mmCIF file of all heavy atoms, coordinates in Angstrom:
data_MODEL
# 
_entry.id   MODEL 
# 
loop_
_atom_site.group_PDB 
_atom_site.id 
_atom_site.type_symbol 
_atom_site.label_atom_id 
_atom_site.label_alt_id 
_atom_site.label_comp_id 
_atom_site.label_asym_id 
_atom_site.label_entity_id 
_atom_site.label_seq_id 
_atom_site.pdbx_PDB_ins_code 
_atom_site.Cartn_x 
_atom_site.Cartn_y 
_atom_site.Cartn_z 
_atom_site.occupancy 
_atom_site.B_iso_or_equiv 
_atom_site.pdbx_formal_charge 
_atom_site.auth_seq_id 
_atom_site.auth_comp_id 
_atom_site.auth_asym_id 
_atom_site.auth_atom_id 
_atom_site.pdbx_PDB_model_num 
ATOM 1   N N   . ALA A 1 1  ? 18.917 36.783 142.695 1.00 0.00 ? 1  ALA A N   1 
ATOM 2   C CA  . ALA A 1 1  ? 18.207 36.729 144.099 1.00 0.00 ? 1  ALA A CA  1 
ATOM 3   C C   . ALA A 1 1  ? 16.881 37.507 143.979 1.00 0.00 ? 1  ALA A C   1 
ATOM 4   O O   . ALA A 1 1  ? 15.925 37.109 144.839 1.00 0.00 ? 1  ALA A O   1 
ATOM 5   C CB  . ALA A 1 1  ? 19.051 37.268 145.075 1.00 0.00 ? 1  ALA A CB  1 
ATOM 6   N N   . LYS A 1 2  ? 16.821 38.559 143.224 1.00 0.00 ? 2  LYS A N   1 
ATOM 7   C CA  . LYS A 1 2  ? 15.566 39.311 143.210 1.00 0.00 ? 2  LYS A CA  1 
ATOM 8   C C   . LYS A 1 2  ? 14.733 39.110 142.003 1.00 0.00 ? 2  LYS A C   1 
ATOM 9   O O   . LYS A 1 2  ? 13.640 39.737 141.758 1.00 0.00 ? 2  LYS A O   1 
ATOM 10  C CB  . LYS A 1 2  ? 15.946 40.839 143.281 1.00 0.00 ? 2  LYS A CB  1 
ATOM 11  C CG  . LYS A 1 2  ? 16.591 41.216 144.575 1.00 0.00 ? 2  LYS A CG  1 
ATOM 12  C CD  . LYS A 1 2  ? 16.970 42.675 144.689 1.00 0.00 ? 2  LYS A CD  1 
ATOM 13  C CE  . LYS A 1 2  ? 17.629 43.033 145.961 1.00 0.00 ? 2  LYS A CE  1 
ATOM 14  N NZ  . LYS A 1 2  ? 17.891 44.551 146.015 1.00 0.00 ? 2  LYS A NZ  1 
ATOM 15  N N   . ASN A 1 3  ? 15.149 38.297 141.113 1.00 0.00 ? 3  ASN A N   1 
ATOM 16  C CA  . ASN A 1 3  ? 14.456 37.949 139.775 1.00 0.00 ? 3  ASN A CA  1 
ATOM 17  C C   . ASN A 1 3  ? 14.158 39.254 139.053 1.00 0.00 ? 3  ASN A C   1 
ATOM 18  O O   . ASN A 1 3  ? 13.106 39.545 138.492 1.00 0.00 ? 3  ASN A O   1 
ATOM 19  C CB  . ASN A 1 3  ? 13.160 37.269 140.108 1.00 0.00 ? 3  ASN A CB  1 
ATOM 20  C CG  . ASN A 1 3  ? 13.263 35.778 140.446 1.00 0.00 ? 3  ASN A CG  1 
ATOM 21  O OD1 . ASN A 1 3  ? 14.404 35.365 140.617 1.00 0.00 ? 3  ASN A OD1 1 
ATOM 22  N ND2 . ASN A 1 3  ? 12.164 35.103 140.381 1.00 0.00 ? 3  ASN A ND2 1 
ATOM 23  N N   . THR A 1 4  ? 15.284 40.005 138.867 1.00 0.00 ? 4  THR A N   1 
ATOM 24  C CA  . THR A 1 4  ? 15.163 41.235 138.111 1.00 0.00 ? 4  THR A CA  1 
ATOM 25  C C   . THR A 1 4  ? 16.362 41.393 137.147 1.00 0.00 ? 4  THR A C   1 
ATOM 26  O O   . THR A 1 4  ? 17.476 40.852 137.303 1.00 0.00 ? 4  THR A O   1 
ATOM 27  C CB  . THR A 1 4  ? 15.103 42.443 139.121 1.00 0.00 ? 4  THR A CB  1 
ATOM 28  O OG1 . THR A 1 4  ? 16.289 42.467 139.835 1.00 0.00 ? 4  THR A OG1 1 
ATOM 29  C CG2 . THR A 1 4  ? 13.859 42.429 140.019 1.00 0.00 ? 4  THR A CG2 1 
ATOM 30  N N   . MET A 1 5  ? 16.097 42.177 136.173 1.00 0.00 ? 5  MET A N   1 
ATOM 31  C CA  . MET A 1 5  ? 17.049 42.530 135.193 1.00 0.00 ? 5  MET A CA  1 
ATOM 32  C C   . MET A 1 5  ? 17.015 44.075 134.893 1.00 0.00 ? 5  MET A C   1 
ATOM 33  O O   . MET A 1 5  ? 15.926 44.540 134.921 1.00 0.00 ? 5  MET A O   1 
ATOM 34  C CB  . MET A 1 5  ? 16.847 41.755 133.862 1.00 0.00 ? 5  MET A CB  1 
ATOM 35  C CG  . MET A 1 5  ? 17.786 42.142 132.753 1.00 0.00 ? 5  MET A CG  1 
ATOM 36  S SD  . MET A 1 5  ? 17.504 41.115 131.280 1.00 0.00 ? 5  MET A SD  1 
ATOM 37  C CE  . MET A 1 5  ? 15.957 41.648 130.781 1.00 0.00 ? 5  MET A CE  1 
ATOM 38  N N   . SER A 1 6  ? 18.189 44.542 134.604 1.00 0.00 ? 6  SER A N   1 
ATOM 39  C CA  . SER A 1 6  ? 18.083 46.039 134.272 1.00 0.00 ? 6  SER A CA  1 
ATOM 40  C C   . SER A 1 6  ? 18.861 46.411 133.052 1.00 0.00 ? 6  SER A C   1 
ATOM 41  O O   . SER A 1 6  ? 19.662 45.569 132.566 1.00 0.00 ? 6  SER A O   1 
ATOM 42  C CB  . SER A 1 6  ? 18.761 46.850 135.518 1.00 0.00 ? 6  SER A CB  1 
ATOM 43  O OG  . SER A 1 6  ? 18.095 46.576 136.706 1.00 0.00 ? 6  SER A OG  1 
ATOM 44  N N   . LEU A 1 7  ? 18.593 47.568 132.574 1.00 0.00 ? 7  LEU A N   1 
ATOM 45  C CA  . LEU A 1 7  ? 19.285 48.056 131.386 1.00 0.00 ? 7  LEU A CA  1 
ATOM 46  C C   . LEU A 1 7  ? 19.665 49.514 131.785 1.00 0.00 ? 7  LEU A C   1 
ATOM 47  O O   . LEU A 1 7  ? 18.671 50.333 131.730 1.00 0.00 ? 7  LEU A O   1 
ATOM 48  C CB  . LEU A 1 7  ? 18.492 47.943 130.102 1.00 0.00 ? 7  LEU A CB  1 
ATOM 49  C CG  . LEU A 1 7  ? 19.256 48.373 128.877 1.00 0.00 ? 7  LEU A CG  1 
ATOM 50  C CD1 . LEU A 1 7  ? 20.294 47.461 128.552 1.00 0.00 ? 7  LEU A CD1 1 
ATOM 51  C CD2 . LEU A 1 7  ? 18.269 48.535 127.694 1.00 0.00 ? 7  LEU A CD2 1 
ATOM 52  N N   . HIS A 1 8  ? 20.850 49.822 131.978 1.00 0.00 ? 8  HIS A N   1 
ATOM 53  C CA  . HIS A 1 8  ? 21.318 51.204 132.226 1.00 0.00 ? 8  HIS A CA  1 
ATOM 54  C C   . HIS A 1 8  ? 21.659 51.782 130.852 1.00 0.00 ? 8  HIS A C   1 
ATOM 55  O O   . HIS A 1 8  ? 22.560 51.223 130.194 1.00 0.00 ? 8  HIS A O   1 
ATOM 56  C CB  . HIS A 1 8  ? 22.491 51.214 133.063 1.00 0.00 ? 8  HIS A CB  1 
ATOM 57  C CG  . HIS A 1 8  ? 22.238 50.773 134.508 1.00 0.00 ? 8  HIS A CG  1 
ATOM 58  N ND1 . HIS A 1 8  ? 21.972 49.481 134.922 1.00 0.00 ? 8  HIS A ND1 1 
ATOM 59  C CD2 . HIS A 1 8  ? 22.036 51.475 135.644 1.00 0.00 ? 8  HIS A CD2 1 
ATOM 60  C CE1 . HIS A 1 8  ? 21.780 49.408 136.214 1.00 0.00 ? 8  HIS A CE1 1 
ATOM 61  N NE2 . HIS A 1 8  ? 21.709 50.712 136.665 1.00 0.00 ? 8  HIS A NE2 1 
ATOM 62  N N   . MET A 1 9  ? 21.068 52.866 130.507 1.00 0.00 ? 9  MET A N   1 
ATOM 63  C CA  . MET A 1 9  ? 21.188 53.544 129.200 1.00 0.00 ? 9  MET A CA  1 
ATOM 64  C C   . MET A 1 9  ? 21.693 54.964 129.425 1.00 0.00 ? 9  MET A C   1 
ATOM 65  O O   . MET A 1 9  ? 21.134 55.751 130.046 1.00 0.00 ? 9  MET A O   1 
ATOM 66  C CB  . MET A 1 9  ? 19.852 53.669 128.455 1.00 0.00 ? 9  MET A CB  1 
ATOM 67  C CG  . MET A 1 9  ? 19.102 52.195 128.301 1.00 0.00 ? 9  MET A CG  1 
ATOM 68  S SD  . MET A 1 9  ? 17.624 52.327 127.304 1.00 0.00 ? 9  MET A SD  1 
ATOM 69  C CE  . MET A 1 9  ? 16.637 53.469 128.342 1.00 0.00 ? 9  MET A CE  1 
ATOM 70  N N   . ASN A 1 10 ? 22.909 55.143 128.917 1.00 0.00 ? 10 ASN A N   1 
ATOM 71  C CA  . ASN A 1 10 ? 23.608 56.405 129.023 1.00 0.00 ? 10 ASN A CA  1 
ATOM 72  C C   . ASN A 1 10 ? 23.743 57.033 127.617 1.00 0.00 ? 10 ASN A C   1 
ATOM 73  O O   . ASN A 1 10 ? 23.634 56.363 126.544 1.00 0.00 ? 10 ASN A O   1 
ATOM 74  C CB  . ASN A 1 10 ? 24.942 56.303 129.632 1.00 0.00 ? 10 ASN A CB  1 
ATOM 75  C CG  . ASN A 1 10 ? 24.924 55.821 131.045 1.00 0.00 ? 10 ASN A CG  1 
ATOM 76  O OD1 . ASN A 1 10 ? 23.933 56.206 131.784 1.00 0.00 ? 10 ASN A OD1 1 
ATOM 77  N ND2 . ASN A 1 10 ? 25.755 54.955 131.501 1.00 0.00 ? 10 ASN A ND2 1 
ATOM 78  N N   . SER A 1 11 ? 24.005 58.290 127.572 1.00 0.00 ? 11 SER A N   1 
ATOM 79  C CA  . SER A 1 11 ? 24.280 59.024 126.229 1.00 0.00 ? 11 SER A CA  1 
ATOM 80  C C   . SER A 1 11 ? 23.139 58.758 125.340 1.00 0.00 ? 11 SER A C   1 
ATOM 81  O O   . SER A 1 11 ? 23.516 58.414 124.144 1.00 0.00 ? 11 SER A O   1 
ATOM 82  C CB  . SER A 1 11 ? 25.681 58.733 125.777 1.00 0.00 ? 11 SER A CB  1 
ATOM 83  O OG  . SER A 1 11 ? 26.670 58.950 126.769 1.00 0.00 ? 11 SER A OG  1 
ATOM 84  N N   . LEU A 1 12 ? 21.933 58.886 125.673 1.00 0.00 ? 12 LEU A N   1 
ATOM 85  C CA  . LEU A 1 12 ? 20.824 58.504 124.882 1.00 0.00 ? 12 LEU A CA  1 
ATOM 86  C C   . LEU A 1 12 ? 20.814 59.437 123.688 1.00 0.00 ? 12 LEU A C   1 
ATOM 87  O O   . LEU A 1 12 ? 21.028 60.555 123.692 1.00 0.00 ? 12 LEU A O   1 
ATOM 88  C CB  . LEU A 1 12 ? 19.547 58.493 125.733 1.00 0.00 ? 12 LEU A CB  1 
ATOM 89  C CG  . LEU A 1 12 ? 19.364 57.290 126.619 1.00 0.00 ? 12 LEU A CG  1 
ATOM 90  C CD1 . LEU A 1 12 ? 18.337 57.540 127.734 1.00 0.00 ? 12 LEU A CD1 1 
ATOM 91  C CD2 . LEU A 1 12 ? 18.908 56.078 125.773 1.00 0.00 ? 12 LEU A CD2 1 
ATOM 92  N N   . LYS A 1 13 ? 20.268 58.861 122.654 1.00 0.00 ? 13 LYS A N   1 
ATOM 93  C CA  . LYS A 1 13 ? 20.151 59.501 121.341 1.00 0.00 ? 13 LYS A CA  1 
ATOM 94  C C   . LYS A 1 13 ? 18.708 59.451 120.926 1.00 0.00 ? 13 LYS A C   1 
ATOM 95  O O   . LYS A 1 13 ? 17.951 58.528 121.211 1.00 0.00 ? 13 LYS A O   1 
ATOM 96  C CB  . LYS A 1 13 ? 21.049 58.933 120.216 1.00 0.00 ? 13 LYS A CB  1 
ATOM 97  C CG  . LYS A 1 13 ? 22.541 58.811 120.593 1.00 0.00 ? 13 LYS A CG  1 
ATOM 98  C CD  . LYS A 1 13 ? 23.264 58.023 119.549 1.00 0.00 ? 13 LYS A CD  1 
ATOM 99  C CE  . LYS A 1 13 ? 24.772 57.895 119.988 1.00 0.00 ? 13 LYS A CE  1 
ATOM 100 N NZ  . LYS A 1 13 ? 25.498 57.108 118.834 1.00 0.00 ? 13 LYS A NZ  1 
ATOM 101 N N   . PRO A 1 14 ? 18.276 60.465 120.065 1.00 0.00 ? 14 PRO A N   1 
ATOM 102 C CA  . PRO A 1 14 ? 16.867 60.377 119.512 1.00 0.00 ? 14 PRO A CA  1 
ATOM 103 C C   . PRO A 1 14 ? 16.534 59.016 118.801 1.00 0.00 ? 14 PRO A C   1 
ATOM 104 O O   . PRO A 1 14 ? 15.447 58.517 118.987 1.00 0.00 ? 14 PRO A O   1 
ATOM 105 C CB  . PRO A 1 14 ? 16.799 61.602 118.563 1.00 0.00 ? 14 PRO A CB  1 
ATOM 106 C CG  . PRO A 1 14 ? 17.740 62.559 119.134 1.00 0.00 ? 14 PRO A CG  1 
ATOM 107 C CD  . PRO A 1 14 ? 18.879 61.646 119.698 1.00 0.00 ? 14 PRO A CD  1 
ATOM 108 N N   . GLU A 1 15 ? 17.493 58.472 118.197 1.00 0.00 ? 15 GLU A N   1 
ATOM 109 C CA  . GLU A 1 15 ? 17.337 57.065 117.563 1.00 0.00 ? 15 GLU A CA  1 
ATOM 110 C C   . GLU A 1 15 ? 17.163 55.981 118.554 1.00 0.00 ? 15 GLU A C   1 
ATOM 111 O O   . GLU A 1 15 ? 16.787 54.862 118.143 1.00 0.00 ? 15 GLU A O   1 
ATOM 112 C CB  . GLU A 1 15 ? 18.530 56.809 116.628 1.00 0.00 ? 15 GLU A CB  1 
ATOM 113 C CG  . GLU A 1 15 ? 19.833 56.898 117.100 1.00 0.00 ? 15 GLU A CG  1 
ATOM 114 C CD  . GLU A 1 15 ? 20.495 58.278 116.803 1.00 0.00 ? 15 GLU A CD  1 
ATOM 115 O OE1 . GLU A 1 15 ? 19.766 59.350 116.985 1.00 0.00 ? 15 GLU A OE1 1 
ATOM 116 O OE2 . GLU A 1 15 ? 21.666 58.299 116.373 1.00 0.00 ? 15 GLU A OE2 1 
ATOM 117 N N   . ASP A 1 16 ? 17.375 56.193 119.761 1.00 0.00 ? 16 ASP A N   1 
ATOM 118 C CA  . ASP A 1 16 ? 17.080 55.139 120.893 1.00 0.00 ? 16 ASP A CA  1 
ATOM 119 C C   . ASP A 1 16 ? 15.580 55.152 121.160 1.00 0.00 ? 16 ASP A C   1 
ATOM 120 O O   . ASP A 1 16 ? 15.160 54.239 121.932 1.00 0.00 ? 16 ASP A O   1 
ATOM 121 C CB  . ASP A 1 16 ? 17.843 55.434 122.105 1.00 0.00 ? 16 ASP A CB  1 
ATOM 122 C CG  . ASP A 1 16 ? 19.391 55.233 121.866 1.00 0.00 ? 16 ASP A CG  1 
ATOM 123 O OD1 . ASP A 1 16 ? 19.786 54.286 121.174 1.00 0.00 ? 16 ASP A OD1 1 
ATOM 124 O OD2 . ASP A 1 16 ? 20.168 56.065 122.354 1.00 0.00 ? 16 ASP A OD2 1 
ATOM 125 N N   . THR A 1 17 ? 14.814 56.026 120.698 1.00 0.00 ? 17 THR A N   1 
ATOM 126 C CA  . THR A 1 17 ? 13.341 56.102 120.933 1.00 0.00 ? 17 THR A CA  1 
ATOM 127 C C   . THR A 1 17 ? 12.702 54.871 120.420 1.00 0.00 ? 17 THR A C   1 
ATOM 128 O O   . THR A 1 17 ? 12.853 54.533 119.293 1.00 0.00 ? 17 THR A O   1 
ATOM 129 C CB  . THR A 1 17 ? 12.740 57.390 120.337 1.00 0.00 ? 17 THR A CB  1 
ATOM 130 O OG1 . THR A 1 17 ? 13.220 58.584 120.966 1.00 0.00 ? 17 THR A OG1 1 
ATOM 131 C CG2 . THR A 1 17 ? 11.251 57.238 120.512 1.00 0.00 ? 17 THR A CG2 1 
ATOM 132 N N   . ALA A 1 18 ? 11.992 54.205 121.393 1.00 0.00 ? 18 ALA A N   1 
ATOM 133 C CA  . ALA A 1 18 ? 11.368 52.952 120.971 1.00 0.00 ? 18 ALA A CA  1 
ATOM 134 C C   . ALA A 1 18 ? 10.551 52.334 122.186 1.00 0.00 ? 18 ALA A C   1 
ATOM 135 O O   . ALA A 1 18 ? 10.751 52.874 123.350 1.00 0.00 ? 18 ALA A O   1 
ATOM 136 C CB  . ALA A 1 18 ? 12.373 51.933 120.573 1.00 0.00 ? 18 ALA A CB  1 
ATOM 137 N N   . VAL A 1 19 ? 9.889  51.374 121.917 1.00 0.00 ? 19 VAL A N   1 
ATOM 138 C CA  . VAL A 1 19 ? 9.334  50.560 123.073 1.00 0.00 ? 19 VAL A CA  1 
ATOM 139 C C   . VAL A 1 19 ? 10.295 49.500 123.398 1.00 0.00 ? 19 VAL A C   1 
ATOM 140 O O   . VAL A 1 19 ? 10.739 48.749 122.487 1.00 0.00 ? 19 VAL A O   1 
ATOM 141 C CB  . VAL A 1 19 ? 7.889  49.947 122.752 1.00 0.00 ? 19 VAL A CB  1 
ATOM 142 C CG1 . VAL A 1 19 ? 7.474  49.070 123.971 1.00 0.00 ? 19 VAL A CG1 1 
ATOM 143 C CG2 . VAL A 1 19 ? 6.982  51.113 122.542 1.00 0.00 ? 19 VAL A CG2 1 
ATOM 144 N N   . TYR A 1 20 ? 10.798 49.354 124.639 1.00 0.00 ? 20 TYR A N   1 
ATOM 145 C CA  . TYR A 1 20 ? 11.741 48.387 125.030 1.00 0.00 ? 20 TYR A CA  1 
ATOM 146 C C   . TYR A 1 20 ? 11.056 47.189 125.690 1.00 0.00 ? 20 TYR A C   1 
ATOM 147 O O   . TYR A 1 20 ? 10.176 47.459 126.693 1.00 0.00 ? 20 TYR A O   1 
ATOM 148 C CB  . TYR A 1 20 ? 12.713 49.063 125.935 1.00 0.00 ? 20 TYR A CB  1 
ATOM 149 C CG  . TYR A 1 20 ? 13.794 49.936 125.246 1.00 0.00 ? 20 TYR A CG  1 
ATOM 150 C CD1 . TYR A 1 20 ? 13.386 51.177 124.696 1.00 0.00 ? 20 TYR A CD1 1 
ATOM 151 C CD2 . TYR A 1 20 ? 15.105 49.571 125.142 1.00 0.00 ? 20 TYR A CD2 1 
ATOM 152 C CE1 . TYR A 1 20 ? 14.125 51.926 124.027 1.00 0.00 ? 20 TYR A CE1 1 
ATOM 153 C CE2 . TYR A 1 20 ? 15.864 50.380 124.396 1.00 0.00 ? 20 TYR A CE2 1 
ATOM 154 C CZ  . TYR A 1 20 ? 15.525 51.470 123.904 1.00 0.00 ? 20 TYR A CZ  1 
ATOM 155 O OH  . TYR A 1 20 ? 16.408 52.379 123.206 1.00 0.00 ? 20 TYR A OH  1 
ATOM 156 N N   . TYR A 1 21 ? 11.477 46.073 125.383 1.00 0.00 ? 21 TYR A N   1 
ATOM 157 C CA  . TYR A 1 21 ? 10.902 44.795 125.938 1.00 0.00 ? 21 TYR A CA  1 
ATOM 158 C C   . TYR A 1 21 ? 11.886 43.985 126.513 1.00 0.00 ? 21 TYR A C   1 
ATOM 159 O O   . TYR A 1 21 ? 13.084 43.843 126.014 1.00 0.00 ? 21 TYR A O   1 
ATOM 160 C CB  . TYR A 1 21 ? 10.253 43.973 124.731 1.00 0.00 ? 21 TYR A CB  1 
ATOM 161 C CG  . TYR A 1 21 ? 9.190  44.692 124.050 1.00 0.00 ? 21 TYR A CG  1 
ATOM 162 C CD1 . TYR A 1 21 ? 9.422  45.430 123.006 1.00 0.00 ? 21 TYR A CD1 1 
ATOM 163 C CD2 . TYR A 1 21 ? 7.806  44.520 124.422 1.00 0.00 ? 21 TYR A CD2 1 
ATOM 164 C CE1 . TYR A 1 21 ? 8.437  46.112 122.245 1.00 0.00 ? 21 TYR A CE1 1 
ATOM 165 C CE2 . TYR A 1 21 ? 6.844  45.130 123.698 1.00 0.00 ? 21 TYR A CE2 1 
ATOM 166 C CZ  . TYR A 1 21 ? 7.126  45.930 122.551 1.00 0.00 ? 21 TYR A CZ  1 
ATOM 167 O OH  . TYR A 1 21 ? 6.089  46.467 121.883 1.00 0.00 ? 21 TYR A OH  1 
ATOM 168 N N   . CYS A 1 22 ? 11.666 43.310 127.593 1.00 0.00 ? 22 CYS A N   1 
ATOM 169 C CA  . CYS A 1 22 ? 12.456 42.288 128.206 1.00 0.00 ? 22 CYS A CA  1 
ATOM 170 C C   . CYS A 1 22 ? 11.960 40.990 127.778 1.00 0.00 ? 22 CYS A C   1 
ATOM 171 O O   . CYS A 1 22 ? 10.738 40.825 127.527 1.00 0.00 ? 22 CYS A O   1 
ATOM 172 C CB  . CYS A 1 22 ? 12.758 42.436 129.659 1.00 0.00 ? 22 CYS A CB  1 
ATOM 173 S SG  . CYS A 1 22 ? 11.160 42.097 130.686 1.00 0.00 ? 22 CYS A SG  1 
ATOM 174 N N   . ALA A 1 23 ? 12.881 39.889 127.677 1.00 0.00 ? 23 ALA A N   1 
ATOM 175 C CA  . ALA A 1 23 ? 12.493 38.640 127.287 1.00 0.00 ? 23 ALA A CA  1 
ATOM 176 C C   . ALA A 1 23 ? 13.360 37.605 127.729 1.00 0.00 ? 23 ALA A C   1 
ATOM 177 O O   . ALA A 1 23 ? 14.559 37.780 128.101 1.00 0.00 ? 23 ALA A O   1 
ATOM 178 C CB  . ALA A 1 23 ? 12.528 38.663 125.673 1.00 0.00 ? 23 ALA A CB  1 
ATOM 179 N N   . ALA A 1 24 ? 12.794 36.418 127.893 1.00 0.00 ? 24 ALA A N   1 
ATOM 180 C CA  . ALA A 1 24 ? 13.562 35.251 128.451 1.00 0.00 ? 24 ALA A CA  1 
ATOM 181 C C   . ALA A 1 24 ? 13.823 34.267 127.446 1.00 0.00 ? 24 ALA A C   1 
ATOM 182 O O   . ALA A 1 24 ? 12.981 33.904 126.527 1.00 0.00 ? 24 ALA A O   1 
ATOM 183 C CB  . ALA A 1 24 ? 12.728 34.643 129.558 1.00 0.00 ? 24 ALA A CB  1 
ATOM 184 N N   . ASP A 1 25 ? 15.054 33.673 127.390 1.00 0.00 ? 25 ASP A N   1 
ATOM 185 C CA  . ASP A 1 25 ? 15.551 32.683 126.547 1.00 0.00 ? 25 ASP A CA  1 
ATOM 186 C C   . ASP A 1 25 ? 14.742 31.487 126.577 1.00 0.00 ? 25 ASP A C   1 
ATOM 187 O O   . ASP A 1 25 ? 14.143 31.161 127.483 1.00 0.00 ? 25 ASP A O   1 
ATOM 188 C CB  . ASP A 1 25 ? 17.012 32.366 126.883 1.00 0.00 ? 25 ASP A CB  1 
ATOM 189 C CG  . ASP A 1 25 ? 17.759 31.708 125.710 1.00 0.00 ? 25 ASP A CG  1 
ATOM 190 O OD1 . ASP A 1 25 ? 17.145 31.209 124.686 1.00 0.00 ? 25 ASP A OD1 1 
ATOM 191 O OD2 . ASP A 1 25 ? 19.054 31.627 125.817 1.00 0.00 ? 25 ASP A OD2 1 
# 
C-alpha cells in the first residue's frame, strides 16, 4: 500500500559492513 520494503537487521556483525541495495525482480 505504501510501495516500500524494509530490511530489519539484528545482531549485526562487522562482516555485514557493505553498501546495501534494493532491487526489483
